[in-house]
Amino acid sequence: MNANLRLVRGSRLVISIEKTATAAVVLSAAVAKFAAHDWHFQSTDVWVLRYPDGKPVDKFPEGSEDFRLDLYKEQLMKEYQRITLYISCDGELLLLPRYSSKLQ
């Protein structure tokens, strides 16, 4: 984990998104969910989606391919509800929801 980031305990929320969601879609859904459930949360701040090691989510950790949730799931070999990502702003790291995919 990045030494400049601090994990905020007790800030986990579950979101439901499409299996093919990109990093921007995941971030948008997470920010909207946090804003709806925490009146202290500032959705107008600049938020960054992060991997568990603190690196920003834009490309896959092991390549140059753009992030997509279904491909990340395959890479991790985990169920959607076991995937955990984070969002950060101003050095604080909020635990991002475990995902459940929206069935089509």
C-alpha atoms as a PDB file:
ATOM      1  CA  MET A   1       0.000   0.000   0.000  1.00  0.00           C
ATOM      2  CA  ASN A   2       1.222   3.485  -0.809  1.00  0.00           C
ATOM      3  CA  ALA A   3       2.745   5.073   2.313  1.00  0.00           C
ATOM      4  CA  ASN A   4       0.994   8.392   1.598  1.00  0.00           C
ATOM      5  CA  LEU A   5      -2.479   6.819   1.701  1.00  0.00           C
ATOM      6  CA  ARG A   6      -4.461   6.064   4.840  1.00  0.00           C
ATOM      7  CA  LEU A   7      -7.176   3.413   4.935  1.00  0.00           C
ATOM      8  CA  VAL A   8     -10.481   4.673   6.341  1.00  0.00           C
ATOM      9  CA  ARG A   9     -12.032   1.751   8.200  1.00  0.00           C
ATOM     10  CA  GLY A  10     -15.776   1.166   8.153  1.00  0.00           C
ATOM     11  CA  SER A  11     -16.297   2.770   4.775  1.00  0.00           C
ATOM     12  CA  ARG A  12     -17.165  -0.238   2.648  1.00  0.00           C
ATOM     13  CA  LEU A  13     -20.189  -0.176   0.386  1.00  0.00           C
ATOM     14  CA  VAL A  14     -21.390  -2.670  -2.194  1.00  0.00           C
ATOM     15  CA  ILE A  15     -22.160  -1.477  -5.710  1.00  0.00           C
ATOM     16  CA  SER A  16     -23.817  -3.255  -8.631  1.00  0.00           C
ATOM     17  CA  ILE A  17     -22.433  -2.500 -12.065  1.00  0.00           C
ATOM     18  CA  GLU A  18     -22.180  -4.103 -15.485  1.00  0.00           C
ATOM     19  CA  LYS A  19     -19.634  -6.887 -15.853  1.00  0.00           C
ATOM     20  CA  THR A  20     -17.898  -4.989 -18.652  1.00  0.00           C
ATOM     21  CA  ALA A  21     -17.538  -1.765 -16.628  1.00  0.00           C
ATOM     22  CA  THR A  22     -14.447   0.330 -17.244  1.00  0.00           C
ATOM     23  CA  ALA A  23     -12.441   2.069 -14.521  1.00  0.00           C
ATOM     24  CA  ALA A  24     -14.363   5.320 -15.149  1.00  0.00           C
ATOM     25  CA  VAL A  25     -17.725   3.569 -14.735  1.00  0.00           C
ATOM     26  CA  VAL A  26     -16.609   1.812 -11.531  1.00  0.00           C
ATOM     27  CA  LEU A  27     -15.285   5.084 -10.097  1.00  0.00           C
ATOM     28  CA  SER A  28     -18.444   6.981 -11.015  1.00  0.00           C
ATOM     29  CA  ALA A  29     -20.681   4.335  -9.416  1.00  0.00           C
ATOM     30  CA  ALA A  30     -18.556   4.237  -6.266  1.00  0.00           C
ATOM     31  CA  VAL A  31     -18.510   8.011  -5.839  1.00  0.00           C
ATOM     32  CA  ALA A  32     -22.289   8.199  -6.371  1.00  0.00           C
ATOM     33  CA  LYS A  33     -22.888   5.424  -3.812  1.00  0.00           C
ATOM     34  CA  PHE A  34     -20.633   7.016  -1.184  1.00  0.00           C
ATOM     35  CA  ALA A  35     -22.261  10.425  -1.772  1.00  0.00           C
ATOM     36  CA  ALA A  36     -25.726   8.905  -1.286  1.00  0.00           C
ATOM     37  CA  HIS A  37     -24.802   7.206   2.006  1.00  0.00           C
ATOM     38  CA  ASP A  38     -22.380   9.625   3.691  1.00  0.00           C
ATOM     39  CA  TRP A  39     -23.196  13.305   3.993  1.00  0.00           C
ATOM     40  CA  HIS A  40     -19.531  14.071   4.830  1.00  0.00           C
ATOM     41  CA  PHE A  41     -18.421  12.635   1.496  1.00  0.00           C
ATOM     42  CA  GLN A  42     -17.516  15.297  -1.077  1.00  0.00           C
ATOM     43  CA  SER A  43     -18.443  13.925  -4.485  1.00  0.00           C
ATOM     44  CA  THR A  44     -17.178  17.111  -6.146  1.00  0.00           C
ATOM     45  CA  ASP A  45     -13.580  16.347  -5.094  1.00  0.00           C
ATOM     46  CA  VAL A  46     -11.228  14.619  -7.512  1.00  0.00           C
ATOM     47  CA  TRP A  47     -11.356  10.896  -6.725  1.00  0.00           C
ATOM     48  CA  VAL A  48      -9.012   8.183  -7.992  1.00  0.00           C
ATOM     49  CA  LEU A  49      -9.828   4.483  -8.311  1.00  0.00           C
ATOM     50  CA  ARG A  50      -6.992   2.349  -6.894  1.00  0.00           C
ATOM     51  CA  TYR A  51      -5.843  -1.252  -6.748  1.00  0.00           C
ATOM     52  CA  PRO A  52      -5.244  -2.812  -3.301  1.00  0.00           C
ATOM     53  CA  ASP A  53      -1.535  -1.919  -3.584  1.00  0.00           C
ATOM     54  CA  GLY A  54      -2.465   1.768  -3.990  1.00  0.00           C
ATOM     55  CA  LYS A  55      -1.669   2.098  -7.698  1.00  0.00           C
ATOM     56  CA  PRO A  56      -4.234   3.990  -9.801  1.00  0.00           C
ATOM     57  CA  VAL A  57      -6.613   1.866 -11.867  1.00  0.00           C
ATOM     58  CA  ASP A  58      -6.466   2.765 -15.522  1.00  0.00           C
ATOM     59  CA  LYS A  59      -4.567  -0.121 -17.092  1.00  0.00           C
ATOM     60  CA  PHE A  60      -4.174  -3.704 -15.934  1.00  0.00           C
ATOM     61  CA  PRO A  61      -1.289  -4.136 -13.487  1.00  0.00           C
ATOM     62  CA  GLU A  62       0.492  -6.574 -15.811  1.00  0.00           C
ATOM     63  CA  GLY A  63      -0.024  -4.906 -19.150  1.00  0.00           C
ATOM     64  CA  SER A  64      -1.089  -1.948 -21.205  1.00  0.00           C
ATOM     65  CA  GLU A  65      -4.706  -3.022 -21.752  1.00  0.00           C
ATOM     66  CA  ASP A  66      -7.428  -0.704 -20.409  1.00  0.00           C
ATOM     67  CA  PHE A  67      -9.148  -1.867 -17.208  1.00  0.00           C
ATOM     68  CA  ARG A  68     -12.404  -3.779 -17.550  1.00  0.00           C
ATOM     69  CA  LEU A  69     -14.065  -5.443 -14.572  1.00  0.00           C
ATOM     70  CA  ASP A  70     -14.780  -8.792 -16.242  1.00  0.00           C
ATOM     71  CA  LEU A  71     -11.183  -9.111 -17.462  1.00  0.00           C
ATOM     72  CA  TYR A  72      -9.859  -8.142 -14.024  1.00  0.00           C
ATOM     73  CA  LYS A  73     -12.070 -10.839 -12.482  1.00  0.00           C
ATOM     74  CA  GLU A  74     -10.611 -13.429 -14.854  1.00  0.00           C
ATOM     75  CA  GLN A  75      -7.093 -12.257 -14.065  1.00  0.00           C
ATOM     76  CA  LEU A  76      -7.672 -12.523 -10.298  1.00  0.00           C
ATOM     77  CA  MET A  77      -9.639 -15.778 -10.590  1.00  0.00           C
ATOM     78  CA  LYS A  78     -12.110 -14.493  -7.976  1.00  0.00           C
ATOM     79  CA  GLU A  79     -15.861 -14.055  -7.911  1.00  0.00           C
ATOM     80  CA  TYR A  80     -17.156 -10.519  -8.410  1.00  0.00           C
ATOM     81  CA  GLN A  81     -18.212 -10.219  -4.759  1.00  0.00           C
ATOM     82  CA  ARG A  82     -14.600 -10.945  -3.700  1.00  0.00           C
ATOM     83  CA  ILE A  83     -13.044  -8.117  -5.717  1.00  0.00           C
ATOM     84  CA  THR A  84     -12.064  -5.106  -3.658  1.00  0.00           C
ATOM     85  CA  LEU A  85     -10.841  -1.798  -5.054  1.00  0.00           C
ATOM     86  CA  TYR A  86     -10.352   1.569  -3.373  1.00  0.00           C
ATOM     87  CA  ILE A  87     -10.995   5.240  -4.037  1.00  0.00           C
ATOM     88  CA  SER A  88      -8.781   8.011  -2.754  1.00  0.00           C
ATOM     89  CA  CYS A  89      -8.756  11.770  -2.406  1.00  0.00           C
ATOM     90  CA  ASP A  90      -6.353  13.993  -0.458  1.00  0.00           C
ATOM     91  CA  GLY A  91      -4.315  11.066   0.820  1.00  0.00           C
ATOM     92  CA  GLU A  92      -7.236   9.207   2.369  1.00  0.00           C
ATOM     93  CA  LEU A  93      -8.017   5.744   1.109  1.00  0.00           C
ATOM     94  CA  LEU A  94     -11.625   4.622   1.307  1.00  0.00           C
ATOM     95  CA  LEU A  95     -12.453   0.967   1.018  1.00  0.00           C
ATOM     96  CA  LEU A  96     -14.404   0.556  -2.167  1.00  0.00           C
ATOM     97  CA  PRO A  97     -17.260  -1.844  -2.302  1.00  0.00           C
ATOM     98  CA  ARG A  98     -17.010  -5.456  -3.084  1.00  0.00           C
ATOM     99  CA  TYR A  99     -18.604  -5.855  -6.456  1.00  0.00           C
ATOM    100  CA  SER A 100     -21.648  -7.764  -7.466  1.00  0.00           C
ATOM    101  CA  SER A 101     -22.248  -7.856 -11.173  1.00  0.00           C
ATOM    102  CA  LYS A 102     -25.570  -6.745 -12.565  1.00  0.00           C
ATOM    103  CA  LEU A 103     -27.147  -9.608 -14.457  1.00  0.00           C
ATOM    104  CA  GLN A 104     -28.485  -8.702 -17.840  1.00  0.00           C
END
